[in-house]
PDB file of N, CA and C in Angstrom:
ATOM      1  N   UNK A   1      77.265  73.770  45.480  1.00  0.00           N
ATOM      2  CA  UNK A   1      76.241  73.619  46.434  1.00  0.00           C
ATOM      3  C   UNK A   1      75.082  72.807  45.915  1.00  0.00           C
ATOM      4  N   UNK A   2      74.661  73.164  44.659  1.00  0.00           N
ATOM      5  CA  UNK A   2      73.486  72.403  44.149  1.00  0.00           C
ATOM      6  C   UNK A   2      73.866  70.980  43.830  1.00  0.00           C
ATOM      7  N   UNK A   3      75.064  70.710  43.447  1.00  0.00           N
ATOM      8  CA  UNK A   3      75.426  69.290  43.197  1.00  0.00           C
ATOM      9  C   UNK A   3      75.398  68.419  44.397  1.00  0.00           C
ATOM     10  N   UNK A   4      75.699  69.025  45.613  1.00  0.00           N
ATOM     11  CA  UNK A   4      75.665  68.300  46.837  1.00  0.00           C
ATOM     12  C   UNK A   4      74.225  68.064  47.216  1.00  0.00           C
ATOM     13  N   UNK A   5      73.331  69.036  46.987  1.00  0.00           N
ATOM     14  CA  UNK A   5      71.915  68.875  47.281  1.00  0.00           C
ATOM     15  C   UNK A   5      71.286  67.793  46.403  1.00  0.00           C
ATOM     16  N   UNK A   6      71.689  67.802  45.123  1.00  0.00           N
ATOM     17  CA  UNK A   6      71.178  66.742  44.217  1.00  0.00           C
ATOM     18  C   UNK A   6      71.590  65.401  44.618  1.00  0.00           C
ATOM     19  N   UNK A   7      72.840  65.282  45.022  1.00  0.00           N
ATOM     20  CA  UNK A   7      73.376  63.989  45.441  1.00  0.00           C
ATOM     21  C   UNK A   7      72.641  63.458  46.735  1.00  0.00           C
ATOM     22  N   UNK A   8      72.373  64.309  47.644  1.00  0.00           N
ATOM     23  CA  UNK A   8      71.679  63.937  48.870  1.00  0.00           C
ATOM     24  C   UNK A   8      70.264  63.528  48.588  1.00  0.00           C
ATOM     25  N   UNK A   9      69.601  64.319  47.748  1.00  0.00           N
ATOM     26  CA  UNK A   9      68.165  64.089  47.462  1.00  0.00           C
ATOM     27  C   UNK A   9      67.841  63.028  46.432  1.00  0.00           C
ATOM     28  N   UNK A  10      68.887  62.516  45.771  1.00  0.00           N
ATOM     29  CA  UNK A  10      68.635  61.531  44.742  1.00  0.00           C
ATOM     30  C   UNK A  10      68.137  60.211  45.343  1.00  0.00           C
ATOM     31  N   UNK A  11      67.247  59.569  44.725  1.00  0.00           N
ATOM     32  CA  UNK A  11      66.688  58.310  45.203  1.00  0.00           C
ATOM     33  C   UNK A  11      67.800  57.282  45.342  1.00  0.00           C
ATOM     34  N   UNK A  12      68.685  57.220  44.415  1.00  0.00           N
ATOM     35  CA  UNK A  12      69.742  56.221  44.500  1.00  0.00           C
ATOM     36  C   UNK A  12      70.655  56.412  45.726  1.00  0.00           C
ATOM     37  N   UNK A  13      71.016  57.586  46.084  1.00  0.00           N
ATOM     38  CA  UNK A  13      71.779  57.843  47.264  1.00  0.00           C
ATOM     39  C   UNK A  13      71.080  57.362  48.486  1.00  0.00           C
ATOM     40  N   UNK A  14      69.783  57.585  48.588  1.00  0.00           N
ATOM     41  CA  UNK A  14      68.966  57.182  49.725  1.00  0.00           C
ATOM     42  C   UNK A  14      68.853  55.617  49.770  1.00  0.00           C
ATOM     43  N   UNK A  15      68.695  55.011  48.588  1.00  0.00           N
ATOM     44  CA  UNK A  15      68.548  53.554  48.576  1.00  0.00           C
ATOM     45  C   UNK A  15      69.884  52.906  48.940  1.00  0.00           C
ATOM     46  N   UNK A  16      70.967  53.472  48.623  1.00  0.00           N
ATOM     47  CA  UNK A  16      72.291  52.880  49.017  1.00  0.00           C
ATOM     48  C   UNK A  16      72.473  53.035  50.519  1.00  0.00           C
ATOM     49  N   UNK A  17      72.093  54.170  51.044  1.00  0.00           N
ATOM     50  CA  UNK A  17      72.214  54.368  52.509  1.00  0.00           C
ATOM     51  C   UNK A  17      71.295  53.428  53.286  1.00  0.00           C
ATOM     52  N   UNK A  18      70.098  53.359  52.911  1.00  0.00           N
ATOM     53  CA  UNK A  18      69.122  52.468  53.589  1.00  0.00           C
ATOM     54  C   UNK A  18      69.358  51.009  53.257  1.00  0.00           C
ATOM     55  N   UNK A  19      69.655  50.710  52.005  1.00  0.00           N
ATOM     56  CA  UNK A  19      69.850  49.360  51.505  1.00  0.00           C
ATOM     57  C   UNK A  19      70.961  48.605  52.218  1.00  0.00           C
ATOM     58  N   UNK A  20      72.000  49.302  52.606  1.00  0.00           N
ATOM     59  CA  UNK A  20      73.126  48.575  53.247  1.00  0.00           C
ATOM     60  C   UNK A  20      72.898  48.283  54.691  1.00  0.00           C
ATOM     61  N   UNK A  21      72.104  49.103  55.360  1.00  0.00           N
ATOM     62  CA  UNK A  21      71.831  48.890  56.798  1.00  0.00           C
ATOM     63  C   UNK A  21      70.669  47.856  56.996  1.00  0.00           C
ATOM     64  N   UNK A  22      69.630  48.009  56.226  1.00  0.00           N
ATOM     65  CA  UNK A  22      68.425  47.214  56.458  1.00  0.00           C
ATOM     66  C   UNK A  22      68.599  45.714  56.293  1.00  0.00           C
ATOM     67  N   UNK A  23      69.281  45.267  55.155  1.00  0.00           N
ATOM     68  CA  UNK A  23      69.420  43.805  55.027  1.00  0.00           C
ATOM     69  C   UNK A  23      70.334  43.226  56.196  1.00  0.00           C
ATOM     70  N   UNK A  24      71.277  43.979  56.671  1.00  0.00           N
ATOM     71  CA  UNK A  24      72.153  43.487  57.761  1.00  0.00           C
ATOM     72  C   UNK A  24      71.250  43.382  59.034  1.00  0.00           C
ATOM     73  N   UNK A  25      70.421  44.329  59.186  1.00  0.00           N
ATOM     74  CA  UNK A  25      69.543  44.230  60.404  1.00  0.00           C
ATOM     75  C   UNK A  25      68.579  43.082  60.311  1.00  0.00           C
ATOM     76  N   UNK A  26      68.088  42.789  59.118  1.00  0.00           N
ATOM     77  CA  UNK A  26      67.149  41.669  58.900  1.00  0.00           C
ATOM     78  C   UNK A  26      67.957  40.335  59.138  1.00  0.00           C
ATOM     79  N   UNK A  27      69.157  40.308  58.629  1.00  0.00           N
ATOM     80  CA  UNK A  27      69.892  39.086  58.809  1.00  0.00           C
ATOM     81  C   UNK A  27      70.211  38.863  60.293  1.00  0.00           C
ATOM     82  N   UNK A  28      70.539  39.946  60.940  1.00  0.00           N
ATOM     83  CA  UNK A  28      70.856  39.844  62.417  1.00  0.00           C
ATOM     84  C   UNK A  28      69.601  39.410  63.160  1.00  0.00           C
ATOM     85  N   UNK A  29      68.453  39.925  62.786  1.00  0.00           N
ATOM     86  CA  UNK A  29      67.234  39.589  63.427  1.00  0.00           C
ATOM     87  C   UNK A  29      66.883  38.158  63.148  1.00  0.00           C
ATOM     88  N   UNK A  30      66.966  37.652  62.003  1.00  0.00           N
ATOM     89  CA  UNK A  30      66.681  36.212  61.731  1.00  0.00           C
ATOM     90  C   UNK A  30      67.646  35.322  62.342  1.00  0.00           C
ATOM     91  N   UNK A  31      68.922  35.748  62.433  1.00  0.00           N
ATOM     92  CA  UNK A  31      69.944  34.931  63.087  1.00  0.00           C
ATOM     93  C   UNK A  31      69.546  34.856  64.586  1.00  0.00           C
ATOM     94  N   UNK A  32      69.167  35.917  65.159  1.00  0.00           N
ATOM     95  CA  UNK A  32      68.802  35.938  66.581  1.00  0.00           C
ATOM     96  C   UNK A  32      67.587  35.021  66.799  1.00  0.00           C
ATOM     97  N   UNK A  33      66.603  35.033  65.958  1.00  0.00           N
ATOM     98  CA  UNK A  33      65.453  34.179  66.048  1.00  0.00           C
ATOM     99  C   UNK A  33      65.885  32.683  65.954  1.00  0.00           C
ATOM    100  N   UNK A  34      66.702  32.429  64.978  1.00  0.00           N
ATOM    101  CA  UNK A  34      67.225  31.024  64.824  1.00  0.00           C
ATOM    102  C   UNK A  34      67.963  30.532  66.082  1.00  0.00           C
ATOM    103  N   UNK A  35      68.776  31.473  66.593  1.00  0.00           N
ATOM    104  CA  UNK A  35      69.525  31.113  67.790  1.00  0.00           C
ATOM    105  C   UNK A  35      68.607  30.834  68.924  1.00  0.00           C
ATOM    106  N   UNK A  36      67.564  31.659  69.116  1.00  0.00           N
ATOM    107  CA  UNK A  36      66.570  31.341  70.191  1.00  0.00           C
ATOM    108  C   UNK A  36      65.850  30.050  69.951  1.00  0.00           C
ATOM    109  N   UNK A  37      65.510  29.815  68.693  1.00  0.00           N
ATOM    110  CA  UNK A  37      64.759  28.460  68.367  1.00  0.00           C
ATOM    111  C   UNK A  37      65.643  27.310  68.721  1.00  0.00           C
ATOM    112  N   UNK A  38      66.951  27.361  68.383  1.00  0.00           N
ATOM    113  CA  UNK A  38      67.810  26.240  68.693  1.00  0.00           C
ATOM    114  C   UNK A  38      68.049  26.124  70.210  1.00  0.00           C
ATOM    115  N   UNK A  39      68.072  27.252  70.894  1.00  0.00           N
ATOM    116  CA  UNK A  39      68.104  27.196  72.392  1.00  0.00           C
ATOM    117  C   UNK A  39      66.962  26.537  73.049  1.00  0.00           C
ATOM    118  N   UNK A  40      65.817  26.894  72.507  1.00  0.00           N
ATOM    119  CA  UNK A  40      64.559  26.261  73.056  1.00  0.00           C
ATOM    120  C   UNK A  40      64.544  24.760  72.733  1.00  0.00           C
ATOM    121  N   UNK A  41      65.031  24.351  71.568  1.00  0.00           N
ATOM    122  CA  UNK A  41      65.085  22.949  71.155  1.00  0.00           C
ATOM    123  C   UNK A  41      66.024  22.171  72.165  1.00  0.00           C
ATOM    124  N   UNK A  42      67.222  22.802  72.442  1.00  0.00           N
ATOM    125  CA  UNK A  42      68.192  22.258  73.408  1.00  0.00           C
ATOM    126  C   UNK A  42      67.604  22.130  74.768  1.00  0.00           C
ATOM    127  N   UNK A  43      66.848  23.104  75.205  1.00  0.00           N
ATOM    128  CA  UNK A  43      66.208  23.106  76.550  1.00  0.00           C
ATOM    129  C   UNK A  43      65.174  21.959  76.632  1.00  0.00           C
ATOM    130  N   UNK A  44      64.453  21.808  75.626  1.00  0.00           N
ATOM    131  CA  UNK A  44      63.416  20.720  75.596  1.00  0.00           C
ATOM    132  C   UNK A  44      64.034  19.366  75.616  1.00  0.00           C
ATOM    133  N   UNK A  45      65.182  19.190  74.927  1.00  0.00           N
ATOM    134  CA  UNK A  45      65.869  17.879  74.925  1.00  0.00           C
ATOM    135  C   UNK A  45      66.389  17.630  76.312  1.00  0.00           C
ATOM    136  N   UNK A  46      66.981  18.636  76.964  1.00  0.00           N
ATOM    137  CA  UNK A  46      67.569  18.486  78.289  1.00  0.00           C
ATOM    138  C   UNK A  46      66.377  18.115  79.271  1.00  0.00           C
ATOM    139  N   UNK A  47      65.348  18.744  79.105  1.00  0.00           N
ATOM    140  CA  UNK A  47      64.128  18.527  80.019  1.00  0.00           C
ATOM    141  C   UNK A  47      63.717  17.086  79.883  1.00  0.00           C
ATOM    142  N   UNK A  48      63.681  16.527  78.619  1.00  0.00           N
ATOM    143  CA  UNK A  48      63.252  15.177  78.412  1.00  0.00           C
ATOM    144  C   UNK A  48      64.267  14.150  78.993  1.00  0.00           C
ATOM    145  N   UNK A  49      65.544  14.574  79.135  1.00  0.00           N
ATOM    146  CA  UNK A  49      66.581  13.726  79.576  1.00  0.00           C
ATOM    147  C   UNK A  49      66.681  13.760  81.090  1.00  0.00           C
ATOM    148  N   UNK A  50      66.000  14.659  81.809  1.00  0.00           N
ATOM    149  CA  UNK A  50      66.074  14.813  83.248  1.00  0.00           C
ATOM    150  C   UNK A  50      65.570  13.525  83.971  1.00  0.00           C
ATOM    151  N   UNK A  51      66.196  13.314  85.169  1.00  0.00           N
ATOM    152  CA  UNK A  51      65.746  12.204  85.945  1.00  0.00           C
ATOM    153  C   UNK A  51      64.447  12.626  86.712  1.00  0.00           C
ATOM    154  N   UNK A  52      63.716  11.655  87.239  1.00  0.00           N
ATOM    155  CA  UNK A  52      62.519  11.965  88.017  1.00  0.00           C
ATOM    156  C   UNK A  52      62.873  12.919  89.172  1.00  0.00           C
ATOM    157  N   UNK A  53      63.997  12.715  89.800  1.00  0.00           N
ATOM    158  CA  UNK A  53      64.377  13.503  90.884  1.00  0.00           C
ATOM    159  C   UNK A  53      64.546  14.988  90.499  1.00  0.00           C
ATOM    160  N   UNK A  54      65.320  15.132  89.346  1.00  0.00           N
ATOM    161  CA  UNK A  54      65.502  16.500  88.823  1.00  0.00           C
ATOM    162  C   UNK A  54      64.217  17.157  88.476  1.00  0.00           C
ATOM    163  N   UNK A  55      63.350  16.418  87.835  1.00  0.00           N
ATOM    164  CA  UNK A  55      62.018  16.955  87.484  1.00  0.00           C
ATOM    165  C   UNK A  55      61.258  17.350  88.716  1.00  0.00           C
ATOM    166  N   UNK A  56      61.364  16.573  89.794  1.00  0.00           N
ATOM    167  CA  UNK A  56      60.653  16.908  91.054  1.00  0.00           C
ATOM    168  C   UNK A  56      61.222  18.164  91.627  1.00  0.00           C
ATOM    169  N   UNK A  57      62.569  18.375  91.506  1.00  0.00           N
ATOM    170  CA  UNK A  57      63.200  19.659  91.931  1.00  0.00           C
ATOM    171  C   UNK A  57      62.694  20.874  91.173  1.00  0.00           C
ATOM    172  N   UNK A  58      62.445  20.633  89.905  1.00  0.00           N
ATOM    173  CA  UNK A  58      61.937  21.755  89.056  1.00  0.00           C
ATOM    174  C   UNK A  58      60.408  21.992  89.374  1.00  0.00           C
ATOM    175  N   UNK A  59      59.755  20.882  89.739  1.00  0.00           N
ATOM    176  CA  UNK A  59      58.331  20.977  90.066  1.00  0.00           C
ATOM    177  C   UNK A  59      57.404  20.582  88.905  1.00  0.00           C
ATOM    178  N   UNK A  60      57.883  19.726  88.067  1.00  0.00           N
ATOM    179  CA  UNK A  60      57.032  19.238  86.986  1.00  0.00           C
ATOM    180  C   UNK A  60      57.112  17.718  86.987  1.00  0.00           C
ATOM    181  N   UNK A  61      56.034  17.071  86.352  1.00  0.00           N
ATOM    182  CA  UNK A  61      55.998  15.658  86.288  1.00  0.00           C
ATOM    183  C   UNK A  61      56.713  15.156  84.995  1.00  0.00           C
ATOM    184  N   UNK A  62      56.966  13.885  85.027  1.00  0.00           N
ATOM    185  CA  UNK A  62      57.582  13.243  83.744  1.00  0.00           C
ATOM    186  C   UNK A  62      56.634  13.549  82.516  1.00  0.00           C
ATOM    187  N   UNK A  63      55.303  13.358  82.728  1.00  0.00           N
ATOM    188  CA  UNK A  63      54.387  13.571  81.604  1.00  0.00           C
ATOM    189  C   UNK A  63      54.455  15.043  81.116  1.00  0.00           C
ATOM    190  N   UNK A  64      54.528  16.024  82.033  1.00  0.00           N
ATOM    191  CA  UNK A  64      54.639  17.400  81.601  1.00  0.00           C
ATOM    192  C   UNK A  64      55.964  17.659  80.882  1.00  0.00           C
ATOM    193  N   UNK A  65      56.988  16.992  81.300  1.00  0.00           N
ATOM    194  CA  UNK A  65      58.338  17.220  80.695  1.00  0.00           C
ATOM    195  C   UNK A  65      58.314  16.618  79.257  1.00  0.00           C
ATOM    196  N   UNK A  66      57.729  15.469  79.122  1.00  0.00           N
ATOM    197  CA  UNK A  66      57.693  14.852  77.833  1.00  0.00           C
ATOM    198  C   UNK A  66      56.710  15.580  76.893  1.00  0.00           C
ATOM    199  N   UNK A  67      55.684  16.159  77.417  1.00  0.00           N
ATOM    200  CA  UNK A  67      54.717  16.982  76.600  1.00  0.00           C
ATOM    201  C   UNK A  67      55.504  18.214  76.074  1.00  0.00           C
ATOM    202  N   UNK A  68      56.227  18.830  76.933  1.00  0.00           N
ATOM    203  CA  UNK A  68      56.962  20.046  76.553  1.00  0.00           C
ATOM    204  C   UNK A  68      58.042  19.686  75.552  1.00  0.00           C
ATOM    205  N   UNK A  69      58.748  18.534  75.729  1.00  0.00           N
ATOM    206  CA  UNK A  69      59.766  18.160  74.847  1.00  0.00           C
ATOM    207  C   UNK A  69      59.284  17.731  73.458  1.00  0.00           C
ATOM    208  N   UNK A  70      58.016  17.345  73.404  1.00  0.00           N
ATOM    209  CA  UNK A  70      57.404  16.916  72.128  1.00  0.00           C
ATOM    210  C   UNK A  70      56.889  18.057  71.289  1.00  0.00           C
ATOM    211  N   UNK A  71      56.859  19.252  71.893  1.00  0.00           N
ATOM    212  CA  UNK A  71      56.421  20.380  71.058  1.00  0.00           C
ATOM    213  C   UNK A  71      57.333  20.601  69.887  1.00  0.00           C
ATOM    214  N   UNK A  72      56.783  21.021  68.683  1.00  0.00           N
ATOM    215  CA  UNK A  72      57.648  21.274  67.485  1.00  0.00           C
ATOM    216  C   UNK A  72      58.485  22.506  67.737  1.00  0.00           C
ATOM    217  N   UNK A  73      59.524  22.606  66.996  1.00  0.00           N
ATOM    218  CA  UNK A  73      60.548  23.666  67.175  1.00  0.00           C
ATOM    219  C   UNK A  73      59.961  25.055  66.953  1.00  0.00           C
ATOM    220  N   UNK A  74      58.951  25.152  66.073  1.00  0.00           N
ATOM    221  CA  UNK A  74      58.297  26.424  65.776  1.00  0.00           C
ATOM    222  C   UNK A  74      57.337  26.924  66.851  1.00  0.00           C
ATOM    223  N   UNK A  75      57.030  26.079  67.807  1.00  0.00           N
ATOM    224  CA  UNK A  75      56.134  26.369  68.857  1.00  0.00           C
ATOM    225  C   UNK A  75      56.908  26.967  70.058  1.00  0.00           C
ATOM    226  N   UNK A  76      57.255  28.236  69.906  1.00  0.00           N
ATOM    227  CA  UNK A  76      58.050  28.908  70.904  1.00  0.00           C
ATOM    228  C   UNK A  76      57.219  29.503  71.979  1.00  0.00           C
ATOM    229  N   UNK A  77      57.810  29.695  73.168  1.00  0.00           N
ATOM    230  CA  UNK A  77      57.100  30.457  74.296  1.00  0.00           C
ATOM    231  C   UNK A  77      56.959  31.948  73.735  1.00  0.00           C
ATOM    232  N   UNK A  78      55.959  32.597  74.192  1.00  0.00           N
ATOM    233  CA  UNK A  78      55.705  33.936  73.746  1.00  0.00           C
ATOM    234  C   UNK A  78      56.889  34.906  73.863  1.00  0.00           C
ATOM    235  N   UNK A  79      57.649  34.792  74.918  1.00  0.00           N
ATOM    236  CA  UNK A  79      58.813  35.690  75.115  1.00  0.00           C
ATOM    237  C   UNK A  79      59.923  35.417  74.171  1.00  0.00           C
ATOM    238  N   UNK A  80      59.870  34.394  73.370  1.00  0.00           N
ATOM    239  CA  UNK A  80      60.939  34.047  72.411  1.00  0.00           C
ATOM    240  C   UNK A  80      60.582  34.377  70.976  1.00  0.00           C
ATOM    241  N   UNK A  81      59.430  34.859  70.683  1.00  0.00           N
ATOM    242  CA  UNK A  81      58.933  35.004  69.315  1.00  0.00           C
ATOM    243  C   UNK A  81      59.368  36.231  68.572  1.00  0.00           C
ATOM    244  N   UNK A  82      59.538  37.363  69.216  1.00  0.00           N
ATOM    245  CA  UNK A  82      59.857  38.623  68.604  1.00  0.00           C
ATOM    246  C   UNK A  82      61.098  38.548  67.741  1.00  0.00           C
ATOM    247  N   UNK A  83      60.935  39.132  66.465  1.00  0.00           N
ATOM    248  CA  UNK A  83      62.068  39.364  65.585  1.00  0.00           C
ATOM    249  C   UNK A  83      62.989  40.560  65.971  1.00  0.00           C
ATOM    250  N   UNK A  84      62.413  41.438  66.769  1.00  0.00           N
ATOM    251  CA  UNK A  84      63.118  42.710  67.090  1.00  0.00           C
ATOM    252  C   UNK A  84      63.925  42.429  68.403  1.00  0.00           C
ATOM    253  N   UNK A  85      65.178  42.197  68.266  1.00  0.00           N
ATOM    254  CA  UNK A  85      66.024  42.036  69.481  1.00  0.00           C
ATOM    255  C   UNK A  85      67.016  43.095  69.616  1.00  0.00           C
TER     256      UNK A  85
END
């Protein structure tokens, strides 16, 4: 009984348990953020390629579309920033 308690309470057992889950969660979180960044970049490219008629349907001008498309990839909309997904 005491040997089981020592194994559970030992710092190395805790580190192994936490260490295997946490890095995977971090990788998944960063992967998710990278996926969202690439999605925003694709959306901005498509926006820049829209015709004037398509832009009018969306309700924005050519200048607004080009300004949005010119934003850097790290300049994400607020709802895309969180690492916790």
